[in-house]
Protein backbone atom coordinates (compact mmCIF):
# COMPACT_ATOMS: atom_id res chain seq x y z
CA MET A 1 271.08 63.54 150.78
CA THR A 2 270.53 67.44 149.79
CA ASP A 3 273.16 69.61 151.27
CA LYS A 4 271.21 72.71 152.88
CA ARG A 5 274.39 74.45 154.00
CA PRO A 6 273.68 78.24 153.26
CA VAL A 7 275.71 79.92 150.64
CA PRO A 8 278.09 82.72 152.04
CA PRO A 9 277.32 86.25 151.02
CA LEU A 10 279.57 87.75 148.03
CA GLY A 11 282.06 90.06 149.43
CA LYS A 12 282.34 93.52 148.15
CA PRO A 13 284.03 94.32 144.96
CA ARG A 14 287.67 95.43 145.41
CA PRO A 15 288.56 98.75 144.33
CA LEU A 16 290.13 98.58 140.85
CA LYS A 17 293.86 100.10 140.56
CA LEU A 18 294.18 101.55 137.01
CA PRO A 19 297.42 100.55 135.37
CA SER A 20 300.02 103.08 134.25
CA VAL A 21 298.97 104.58 130.96
CA ALA A 22 300.40 107.07 128.39
CA GLU A 23 298.96 108.63 125.23
CA ARG A 24 300.27 110.66 122.26
CA THR A 25 299.03 111.62 118.88
CA LEU A 26 301.86 111.18 116.49
CA ASP A 27 302.71 113.84 113.68
CA ASN A 28 300.96 111.81 111.20
CA GLY A 29 297.77 111.92 113.16
CA LEU A 30 297.85 108.28 114.62
CA ARG A 31 296.70 108.39 118.19
CA VAL A 32 298.54 106.14 120.33
CA GLN A 33 297.45 104.63 123.88
CA ALA A 34 299.90 102.30 125.74
CA VAL A 35 299.08 100.55 129.00
CA ARG A 36 301.71 98.60 131.15
CA ARG A 37 300.03 95.42 132.36
CA PRO A 38 303.12 93.18 133.93
CA GLY A 39 302.61 89.43 134.74
CA VAL A 40 303.60 87.77 131.45
CA PRO A 41 306.27 89.16 128.88
CA LEU A 42 303.82 89.52 126.21
CA ALA A 43 302.45 92.70 124.30
CA GLU A 44 298.93 93.10 122.64
CA LEU A 45 298.21 95.43 119.99
CA ARG A 46 294.83 96.64 118.62
CA LEU A 47 294.63 99.38 115.69
CA ARG A 48 291.13 100.75 114.80
CA ILE A 49 290.83 102.60 111.66
CA PRO A 50 287.45 104.42 110.88
CA PHE A 51 286.36 102.55 107.69
CA ALA A 52 282.61 103.40 107.15
CA GLY A 53 281.00 103.36 103.63
CA PRO A 54 278.48 105.60 102.09
CA SER A 55 274.80 104.84 101.67
CA GLY A 56 273.08 103.55 98.47
CA LYS A 57 274.30 101.67 95.34
CA SER A 58 277.98 102.88 96.00
CA GLY A 59 277.75 101.75 99.66
CA ARG A 60 276.86 98.27 98.58
CA ALA A 61 279.93 98.29 96.37
CA PHE A 62 282.02 99.69 99.20
CA THR A 63 280.99 96.86 101.57
CA ALA A 64 281.97 94.19 99.13
CA GLN A 65 285.48 95.73 98.66
CA ALA A 66 285.99 96.36 102.20
CA SER A 67 285.17 92.91 103.06
CA LEU A 68 287.75 91.59 100.63
CA LEU A 69 290.32 94.00 101.68
CA GLY A 70 290.07 92.89 105.18
CA ASP A 71 290.54 89.29 103.94
CA THR A 72 293.60 90.18 101.84
CA LEU A 73 295.40 92.67 103.55
CA LEU A 74 297.99 90.05 104.97
CA SER A 75 298.33 88.47 101.39
CA GLY A 76 301.68 90.11 100.50
CA THR A 77 303.47 93.56 100.42
CA ASP A 78 305.74 95.35 98.07
CA LYS A 79 308.70 93.61 100.03
CA ARG A 80 307.22 90.29 101.04
CA ASP A 81 304.74 87.65 99.56
CA ALA A 82 302.15 85.96 101.79
CA ALA A 83 304.22 83.08 102.54
CA GLU A 84 307.27 85.25 103.59
CA LEU A 85 305.05 87.53 105.73
CA ALA A 86 303.63 84.60 107.47
CA ALA A 87 307.01 83.12 108.03
CA ASP A 88 308.52 86.34 109.47
CA LEU A 89 305.53 86.62 111.83
CA GLN A 90 305.94 82.84 112.95
CA ALA A 91 309.60 83.73 113.54
CA LEU A 92 308.76 86.36 115.93
CA GLY A 93 306.19 84.13 117.77
CA ALA A 94 303.68 86.75 116.66
CA GLN A 95 300.17 86.76 115.54
CA LEU A 96 298.54 89.50 113.35
CA SER A 97 294.96 89.50 111.93
CA ALA A 98 292.78 92.04 110.10
CA SER A 99 289.01 92.37 109.79
CA THR A 100 286.41 94.82 108.70
CA ASP A 101 282.84 95.84 109.77
CA ALA A 102 280.58 98.62 109.11
CA ASP A 103 282.60 101.11 111.17
CA ARG A 104 286.26 100.20 111.11
CA LEU A 105 289.14 98.15 109.59
CA GLY A 106 290.78 96.59 112.61
CA PHE A 107 294.08 95.03 113.28
CA GLY A 108 294.80 92.59 116.27
CA GLY A 109 298.39 91.31 117.24
CA SER A 110 300.37 89.70 120.12
CA VAL A 111 303.89 89.06 120.52
CA LEU A 112 306.52 88.51 123.26
CA VAL A 113 307.64 91.96 124.48
CA ASP A 114 311.14 91.82 122.89
CA GLY A 115 309.54 91.00 119.38
CA LEU A 116 307.24 93.98 119.55
CA PRO A 117 309.62 96.23 117.46
CA GLY A 118 309.44 93.47 114.74
CA LEU A 119 305.76 92.92 114.96
CA LEU A 120 305.29 97.04 114.46
CA GLN A 121 307.67 96.77 111.62
CA LEU A 122 305.54 94.32 109.80
CA LEU A 123 302.21 96.15 110.57
CA GLY A 124 303.85 99.17 109.17
CA GLU A 125 304.76 97.46 106.11
CA VAL A 126 301.28 96.15 105.62
CA LEU A 127 299.80 99.72 106.16
CA THR A 128 302.02 101.37 103.65
CA GLY A 129 302.74 98.62 101.04
CA ALA A 130 300.03 96.00 100.87
CA SER A 131 300.04 94.67 97.36
CA TYR A 132 296.92 92.69 96.99
CA PRO A 133 298.19 90.21 94.38
CA LYS A 134 295.77 89.14 91.88
CA ARG A 135 296.19 85.35 92.50
CA GLU A 136 295.52 86.05 96.14
CA VAL A 137 292.44 88.44 95.65
CA VAL A 138 290.85 86.00 93.15
CA GLY A 139 291.17 83.14 95.59
CA GLU A 140 289.82 85.03 98.57
CA ARG A 141 287.00 86.43 96.20
CA ASP A 142 285.82 83.13 95.20
CA ARG A 143 285.95 81.59 98.81
CA LEU A 144 283.88 84.83 100.06
CA VAL A 145 281.40 84.14 97.33
CA GLN A 146 281.08 80.52 98.42
CA GLU A 147 280.80 81.37 102.27
CA LEU A 148 278.22 84.16 101.52
CA ALA A 149 275.94 81.38 99.99
CA ILE A 150 276.49 79.21 103.09
CA TYR A 151 275.88 82.20 105.46
CA ARG A 152 272.47 83.17 103.73
CA SER A 153 271.13 79.46 103.98
CA GLN A 154 271.17 79.95 107.85
CA ALA A 155 267.97 81.31 109.40
CA ALA A 156 270.06 83.35 112.13
CA VAL A 157 271.82 85.20 109.26
CA VAL A 158 268.54 85.64 107.20
CA ALA A 159 267.06 87.02 110.45
CA ARG A 160 269.90 89.50 111.26
CA GLU A 161 270.07 90.87 107.69
CA ALA A 162 266.45 91.52 107.66
CA LEU A 163 266.26 93.09 111.08
CA LEU A 164 269.23 95.38 110.28
CA ARG A 165 267.66 96.46 107.16
CA ARG A 166 264.50 97.13 108.97
CA LEU A 167 266.26 99.09 111.64
CA TYR A 168 268.71 101.15 109.52
CA GLY A 169 267.61 100.88 105.80
CA ASP A 170 270.37 102.12 103.40
CA HIS A 171 272.58 103.27 106.13
CA PRO A 172 275.95 101.31 106.25
CA TYR A 173 274.70 99.28 109.28
CA GLY A 174 271.78 98.03 107.34
CA ARG A 175 274.20 95.89 105.35
CA GLU A 176 276.36 93.75 107.51
CA LEU A 177 277.32 91.32 104.80
CA PRO A 178 278.08 92.09 101.08
CA ALA A 179 276.12 90.90 98.14
CA ALA A 180 277.91 87.93 96.38
CA GLU A 181 277.49 89.54 92.96
CA GLU A 182 279.09 92.90 94.29
CA VAL A 183 281.98 90.70 95.64
CA ASP A 184 282.36 88.96 92.22
CA ASP A 185 283.12 92.40 90.58
CA VAL A 186 285.94 93.36 93.03
CA LYS A 187 289.27 93.62 91.36
CA PRO A 188 292.86 93.99 93.03
CA THR A 189 292.95 97.60 91.53
CA HIS A 190 289.68 98.36 93.45
CA LEU A 191 291.55 97.21 96.77
CA ARG A 192 294.73 99.29 95.99
CA ALA A 193 292.81 102.37 95.39
CA MET A 194 290.50 101.83 98.50
CA HIS A 195 293.72 101.21 100.55
CA ALA A 196 295.34 104.35 99.43
CA LYS A 197 292.39 106.38 100.08
CA ARG A 198 290.79 104.85 103.44
CA VAL A 199 293.80 103.34 105.19
CA VAL A 200 294.90 106.52 106.99
CA PRO A 201 296.59 107.28 110.09
CA ALA A 202 294.78 110.55 111.08
CA GLY A 203 291.52 109.57 113.13
CA SER A 204 292.86 106.00 113.81
CA ILE A 205 293.72 104.78 117.30
CA LEU A 206 296.38 102.05 118.29
CA THR A 207 296.29 100.49 121.70
CA VAL A 208 299.39 98.72 123.06
CA VAL A 209 299.21 96.72 126.24
CA GLY A 210 302.10 94.76 127.73
CA ASP A 211 304.83 94.40 130.08
CA LEU A 212 306.82 97.38 129.39
CA SER A 213 306.74 101.07 130.17
CA PRO A 214 304.00 103.00 128.12
CA SER A 215 306.52 105.55 127.15
CA LYS A 216 308.72 103.12 125.66
CA ALA A 217 305.78 101.35 123.79
CA ILE A 218 304.83 104.64 122.19
CA ASN A 219 308.46 105.29 121.14
CA LEU A 220 308.41 101.86 119.55
CA VAL A 221 305.18 102.68 117.40
CA GLU A 222 306.51 105.97 116.49
CA ALA A 223 309.86 104.46 115.14
CA ALA A 224 307.71 101.87 113.10
CA LEU A 225 304.73 103.71 112.05
CA GLY A 226 305.88 107.45 112.04
CA ASP A 227 306.35 107.20 108.17
CA TRP A 228 302.64 105.91 107.57
CA THR A 229 301.10 109.06 106.02
CA ALA A 230 298.19 109.87 103.69
CA THR A 231 296.59 113.02 102.24
CA SER A 232 293.10 111.91 103.36
CA LYS A 233 291.49 111.71 106.84
CA ALA A 234 289.43 108.71 108.16
CA VAL A 235 285.72 108.64 107.28
CA GLU A 236 283.48 108.44 110.25
CA THR A 237 280.07 106.59 110.20
CA PRO A 238 277.12 108.62 109.11
CA LYS A 239 274.43 109.62 111.71
CA LEU A 240 271.75 106.86 112.05
CA PRO A 241 268.41 107.43 110.49
CA ALA A 242 265.13 107.52 112.57
CA THR A 243 263.71 103.78 112.94
CA PRO A 244 260.43 103.54 111.23
CA LYS A 245 257.30 101.89 113.07
CA THR A 246 256.72 98.81 111.00
CA PRO A 247 254.71 95.54 111.63
CA ALA A 248 256.56 92.42 112.60
CA LEU A 249 258.16 90.89 109.50
CA LEU A 250 257.63 87.16 109.00
CA LEU A 251 260.09 85.33 106.38
CA ASP A 252 259.12 82.01 104.97
CA ARG A 253 261.22 78.85 105.78
CA PRO A 254 258.84 76.10 104.68
CA GLY A 255 259.27 73.01 106.99
CA ALA A 256 261.33 74.67 109.35
CA VAL A 257 261.30 72.85 112.98
CA GLN A 258 261.96 76.07 114.74
CA THR A 259 261.19 79.71 114.39
CA THR A 260 264.23 82.29 114.48
CA MET A 261 262.87 85.26 116.56
CA ARG A 262 264.89 88.46 116.66
CA LEU A 263 263.73 91.81 118.12
CA ALA A 264 265.98 94.91 118.46
CA ALA A 265 265.82 98.76 119.49
CA SER A 266 268.18 101.66 120.11
CA ALA A 267 269.88 101.56 123.38
CA PRO A 268 271.97 103.98 125.49
CA SER A 269 275.61 104.36 124.70
CA ARG A 270 278.45 103.58 127.23
CA SER A 271 278.69 107.25 127.77
CA SER A 272 275.12 107.93 128.44
CA GLU A 273 274.10 108.80 132.02
CA ASP A 274 271.39 106.18 132.12
CA TYR A 275 273.66 103.29 130.56
CA ALA A 276 274.48 101.72 133.83
CA ALA A 277 270.63 101.51 134.89
CA PHE A 278 269.76 100.24 131.41
CA SER A 279 272.38 97.56 131.48
CA LEU A 280 271.04 96.31 134.72
CA ALA A 281 267.35 96.32 133.67
CA ASN A 282 268.45 94.21 130.40
CA LEU A 283 270.24 91.82 132.60
CA VAL A 284 267.31 91.26 134.80
CA PHE A 285 265.10 91.03 131.70
CA GLY A 286 267.17 88.59 129.41
CA GLY A 287 270.85 89.56 129.50
CA TYR A 288 272.40 86.64 131.38
CA PHE A 289 271.48 83.06 132.34
CA SER A 290 269.87 84.00 135.62
CA SER A 291 267.37 86.48 133.95
CA ARG A 292 263.58 86.44 134.05
CA TRP A 293 263.32 85.48 130.41
CA VAL A 294 265.69 82.55 130.59
CA ALA A 295 263.64 81.43 133.61
CA ASN A 296 260.25 81.63 131.71
CA ILE A 297 260.86 80.40 128.31
CA ARG A 298 263.74 78.11 128.82
CA GLU A 299 263.65 76.59 132.33
CA ASP A 300 259.87 77.01 133.03
CA LYS A 301 258.30 76.27 129.54
CA GLY A 302 261.04 74.64 127.47
CA TYR A 303 260.34 76.74 124.24
CA THR A 304 263.92 77.28 123.73
CA TYR A 305 267.54 76.51 124.65
CA SER A 306 269.43 79.66 124.73
CA PRO A 307 267.39 83.00 124.72
CA HIS A 308 269.58 86.12 125.21
CA ALA A 309 269.35 89.97 125.12
CA GLN A 310 272.51 91.41 123.93
CA VAL A 311 273.67 95.02 123.82
CA GLU A 312 276.08 95.87 121.05
CA HIS A 313 277.88 99.46 120.74
CA PRO A 314 278.61 100.31 117.08
CA PRO A 315 279.81 104.03 117.35
CA ALA A 316 276.99 105.74 115.66
CA GLY A 317 274.52 104.21 117.99
CA SER A 318 274.04 101.22 120.48
CA ARG A 319 271.21 98.63 120.13
CA VAL A 320 269.74 95.93 122.13
CA THR A 321 268.92 92.57 120.42
CA VAL A 322 266.75 90.10 121.86
CA SER A 323 267.31 86.54 120.29
CA ALA A 324 265.78 83.10 120.61
CA ASP A 325 265.22 80.24 118.27
CA VAL A 326 261.92 78.51 119.41
CA ALA A 327 260.10 75.31 118.29
CA THR A 328 257.72 76.06 115.57
CA PRO A 329 254.53 75.05 117.40
CA THR A 330 255.36 77.28 120.36
CA THR A 331 256.29 80.47 118.21
CA ALA A 332 253.52 82.60 119.32
CA ALA A 333 253.43 81.51 122.80
CA ALA A 334 257.24 82.27 122.89
CA LEU A 335 256.57 85.59 121.68
CA LEU A 336 253.98 86.48 124.05
CA GLU A 337 256.10 85.58 126.99
CA THR A 338 258.76 87.65 125.38
CA HIS A 339 256.53 90.52 125.39
CA TYR A 340 255.13 89.86 128.95
CA GLU A 341 258.75 89.74 130.28
CA LEU A 342 259.79 93.03 128.38
CA GLY A 343 256.52 94.55 129.57
CA ARG A 344 257.15 93.55 133.41
CA VAL A 345 260.65 95.19 133.37
CA ALA A 346 259.32 98.32 131.63
CA THR A 347 256.30 98.70 134.01
CA THR A 348 256.93 97.10 137.39
CA PRO A 349 260.02 97.56 139.81
CA VAL A 350 262.59 94.64 139.84
CA THR A 351 263.34 93.45 143.38
CA GLN A 352 266.16 94.54 145.15
CA GLY A 353 267.52 91.00 145.15
CA GLU A 354 267.44 90.96 141.38
CA LEU A 355 269.12 94.04 141.04
CA ASP A 356 271.87 93.23 143.15
CA GLN A 357 272.66 89.99 141.49
CA ALA A 358 272.51 91.67 138.10
CA ARG A 359 274.98 94.20 139.50
CA ARG A 360 277.34 91.66 140.83
CA TYR A 361 277.46 89.81 137.51
CA ALA A 362 278.13 93.09 135.55
CA ILE A 363 280.87 94.07 137.80
CA GLY A 364 282.40 90.84 137.68
CA THR A 365 282.29 90.28 134.00
CA LEU A 366 283.98 93.41 133.36
CA ALA A 367 286.77 92.69 135.84
CA LEU A 368 287.13 89.09 134.09
CA GLY A 369 286.99 90.57 130.77
CA THR A 370 289.90 92.91 131.51
CA SER A 371 291.90 90.53 133.59
CA SER A 372 294.18 89.64 130.72
CA GLN A 373 296.38 91.55 128.40
CA ALA A 374 294.36 90.54 125.35
CA GLY A 375 291.06 91.36 127.08
CA LEU A 376 292.26 94.72 128.35
CA ALA A 377 293.74 95.66 124.86
CA SER A 378 290.41 94.94 123.05
CA THR A 379 288.20 96.44 125.76
CA LEU A 380 290.47 99.83 125.65
CA SER A 381 290.35 99.89 121.96
CA GLN A 382 286.60 99.62 121.81
CA LEU A 383 286.19 102.32 124.56
CA ALA A 384 288.54 104.65 122.53
CA GLY A 385 286.24 104.15 119.52
CA ALA A 386 283.46 105.21 121.66
CA GLY A 387 285.50 108.42 122.87
CA LEU A 388 286.20 106.83 126.45
CA GLY A 389 289.26 106.30 128.09
CA ILE A 390 290.75 103.87 130.68
CA ASP A 391 288.84 105.71 133.70
CA TYR A 392 285.74 103.96 132.34
CA LEU A 393 287.05 100.72 133.94
CA ARG A 394 287.05 102.35 137.43
CA ASP A 395 283.89 104.68 137.03
CA TYR A 396 281.40 102.25 135.36
CA PRO A 397 281.42 99.87 138.44
CA LYS A 398 280.79 102.97 140.62
CA GLN A 399 277.81 103.91 138.35
CA LEU A 400 276.61 100.35 138.49
CA ALA A 401 276.77 100.53 142.36
CA ALA A 402 274.50 103.60 142.41
CA VAL A 403 271.71 102.31 140.48
CA THR A 404 268.40 102.14 142.54
CA VAL A 405 265.47 100.11 141.80
CA ASP A 406 263.77 103.32 140.53
CA ASP A 407 266.67 103.71 138.06
CA ALA A 408 266.18 100.38 136.59
CA LEU A 409 262.32 100.95 136.32
CA ALA A 410 262.95 104.15 134.40
CA ALA A 411 265.56 102.67 132.12
CA GLY A 412 263.28 99.73 131.46
CA SER A 413 260.43 101.84 130.42
CA ARG A 414 262.35 103.97 128.30
CA TYR A 415 264.35 101.30 126.37
CA LEU A 416 262.55 97.90 126.78
CA ALA A 417 258.92 98.62 126.34
CA PRO A 418 257.75 95.95 123.89
CA ASN A 419 256.24 98.61 121.48
CA ARG A 420 259.85 100.04 120.88
CA LEU A 421 261.23 96.79 119.50
CA THR A 422 261.40 96.10 115.70
CA THR A 423 260.58 92.41 115.16
CA VAL A 424 261.81 89.83 112.55
CA LEU A 425 260.92 86.14 112.49
CA VAL A 426 261.94 83.45 110.16
CA GLY A 427 259.88 80.39 110.14
CA ASP A 428 257.21 78.07 108.58
CA VAL A 429 254.57 80.68 107.50
CA ALA A 430 252.05 78.08 107.11
CA GLU A 431 252.37 76.88 110.68
CA VAL A 432 253.04 80.12 112.45
CA GLU A 433 251.26 82.92 110.68
CA GLY A 434 247.68 82.29 112.06
CA PRO A 435 248.96 82.37 115.82
CA LEU A 436 250.99 85.28 115.44
CA ARG A 437 248.22 87.37 113.96
CA THR A 438 246.19 86.85 116.88
CA LEU A 439 249.10 88.85 118.92
CA ILE A 440 250.78 91.38 116.51
CA ASP A 441 250.39 93.03 113.26
CA LEU A 442 252.44 90.93 110.61
CA GLU A 443 253.87 91.65 107.53
CA LEU A 444 255.09 88.68 105.19
CA GLY A 445 258.35 89.04 103.33
């Protein structure tokens, strides 16, 4: 028996009360923002150090060194070896990790509030005295070379690398992963020199969220990291090049049972006046499970399992990436339906019901993503990297609430028209080339 009772309407979103926050730039140039979030006696920290590399051959070597630097930062200091550092973190009940990407060197950490001074002290020791022992560097270098071979055997990685090169050329954003041969050339001396020159406080941002007063948190940071100094300043990401108009690129994967399909284009940044409208237009198109694109090529036609249109926000320029892995025989049909749905959201108004549903989802996911201390710390760190503050958490839902059907159509037309997107496909050329050429200009790679 089917239950046909009506689903009650969603209530209005509750107004967000922003937590107390303090901000200070230390004498060494480190910007610190601290937010009180009571509830559990934890503290979360996120440190963001601008870490962009140059273009050209030197940029490729930089990417290899930066990747290995992120992997070996916590392998020892001038006071502790890797085992001692891990043991001291464990004694605090703390976690500390480091990673790099095309824009930044990032640290993430968590600890009980009373252990925050100890965690900050260990972080300061790593920032000022990371030793990059030869044994640890060689071990991580060999592991990374093996991992790169595994990564590049995956169609999704091949497609993403080709797509980024297509979009950005020799810009740092065009090389997300290092070349194995470049990694093989990295020595501990390279990492120590890079650390001394690039791991600097001026221009860096530390975010602390926890159950303690913001002013106290900043004082603890100053006590632990005030001696972190450098003669150089952080290097910002270069301006993006113009994206050239190119045919779709098809890379051969003989015998593949599915085609990896990726399309991408520039998107408005979070600070853009049309970002809220674009965000909702993208959700209606393919940004969540209730979207038109998912209903079309997953639910109705069964071409794929998990299509998704994701917006990414690297500091130099945001982008939207449309991703789907489709069965080889349906490749051309799936691309046709993708263009159809992109064209629909770019040329015809969405319904008010679609817009309201997407709006509720966007407001709800923002609230859910910042409901924990870890989520709030990560979000505020990302916003700070984009030049935005905590007010964004209050203002963005208001911007979403104000978006009209006409606003969504204008944003869809400007950013999601099919002819704006750069396309890369990885699949069995013998099976898919012919049908694809009936739809699009195609280049074989």
